[in-house]
C-alpha cells in the first residue's frame, strides 16, 4: 500500500514567514514609537510648561550669548557709557528703536518718543522686568530717568517678515508644515503664559489687526517666537470684578473679538464710558487668524488646518465664555502635531497590520 506523503512541514512553512515579518514590523513600529516619544518629549520640554527657563538668570540679571556668567542689568550710567547707537530700525507711537552695539555685540535700544505716553512706556518696562522667561525678549538694562530700555537683538526681526525670511535660500528648509505649526505652538504658548503669568491674567491689547499682532513678536535665529512689546498688557481680575478695555477708541473689523466692538449700533455714537469691558478671551478669538498666517500655503498645511478645524471653531464662539482657554488650545495643537508626525513617520502602517 502506497504511503501518503506528509505535508505537515510544508503546510506550516508559509505561515512562519508572515509571522516573522509581522514580528519584525511590530518591532519596527515599537522602535519608531519610542523614537517619536523621545523626540516629542524633547520638543515639549523645549516649549515647556515651566514658565522660567532653567538657564535664566536671577531677577535683575541676564546672560548674553555664549557667556556662562550672569551680569546685572545695565544701569543708566553703563548704558550711556557702553552702548553705541548704530541706526534707527523702527518707530511706533510710543518709542523709537535703534540697532546698537554693546561690547561688540548687537543690541536693541528703545527710547520714548512721545512724553504723553510715558506711562505706557513705563508699564511696558514693568512688564518686561516682571515677565522675564523663555517667552519674552531678554532684558539687558534700562534707565527710567531717560526712558530707555536695552534688549537682546534678533536679526530676523518681527513676525511680519516671516514669509520673506522663509524664502531666503538659507531658511527654505524651514518652510514646512511641521516648522510652521511649531511656530503657531510657540505663539499660543506665549498667550497661555500671559494668561497665567506671575502677575495674573494679562491681555495682549496691542492686537487690533493681524499686522499689529505680528509686529509685537520676534522670530529668533533658531526659529522660536518671543513676545517683544508689552506696552499694552492690562490685568484681568475676575474675583475683584476687574475686566479690561483695549484703548479708548472704537474698534472695527472681524479680527477683533465681537465683545470688543461697539454693541449699540451705528445710530448710537461711540462713548468710551458706555463701552462694556471684557476679558482675556479676546486673545482666544484671534488665535485662528494668527495661526492661519503661520501655516501659510505649503504642502501639508491644509491637512493641519483640517485637524485644527474644531478647536478654531470653538475659538470663534460669539460668547467668550464658550471659547476654550489658551491651555486647551495649546494642548490640542500639541496633540495634532504628535498625530501628524506619527502619521508622517509611519505611512500605511495600519494597512500593513
Foldseek 3Di string as FASTA:
>chain_A
DDDDDDCVVVVCVVVVVVVVVVVVLVVVLVVVVVVLVVVLVVLDVVLDPDFADPQADPQQWGDDDPRNDIDGADEPVCCVVFKAFDAWDDDDPFWTWTFIDGPNATKIKIFGDDPVLLLLLVQQVVCQRQRDHPQAFAWRHAYSVRSMTITGDAVQAFQVCVVVVCPPVVNVVCLDLLNLLSQLLLVLSSQLCCCPDPVHGKAPLQPLDLVSVRNQWTAHPVGYIHGYTDSQIDHDDVVVPDFDQRDQDAGDDPQFAPLNHDDPDPVDDDGSVPRDGDHRLRVLLNSVVNSCVSSDDDPPSVVLCVQCVVLNVQSNDNDSVSHDRSVVSSVSSSVSSSVVVSCVVDPPSVVVD
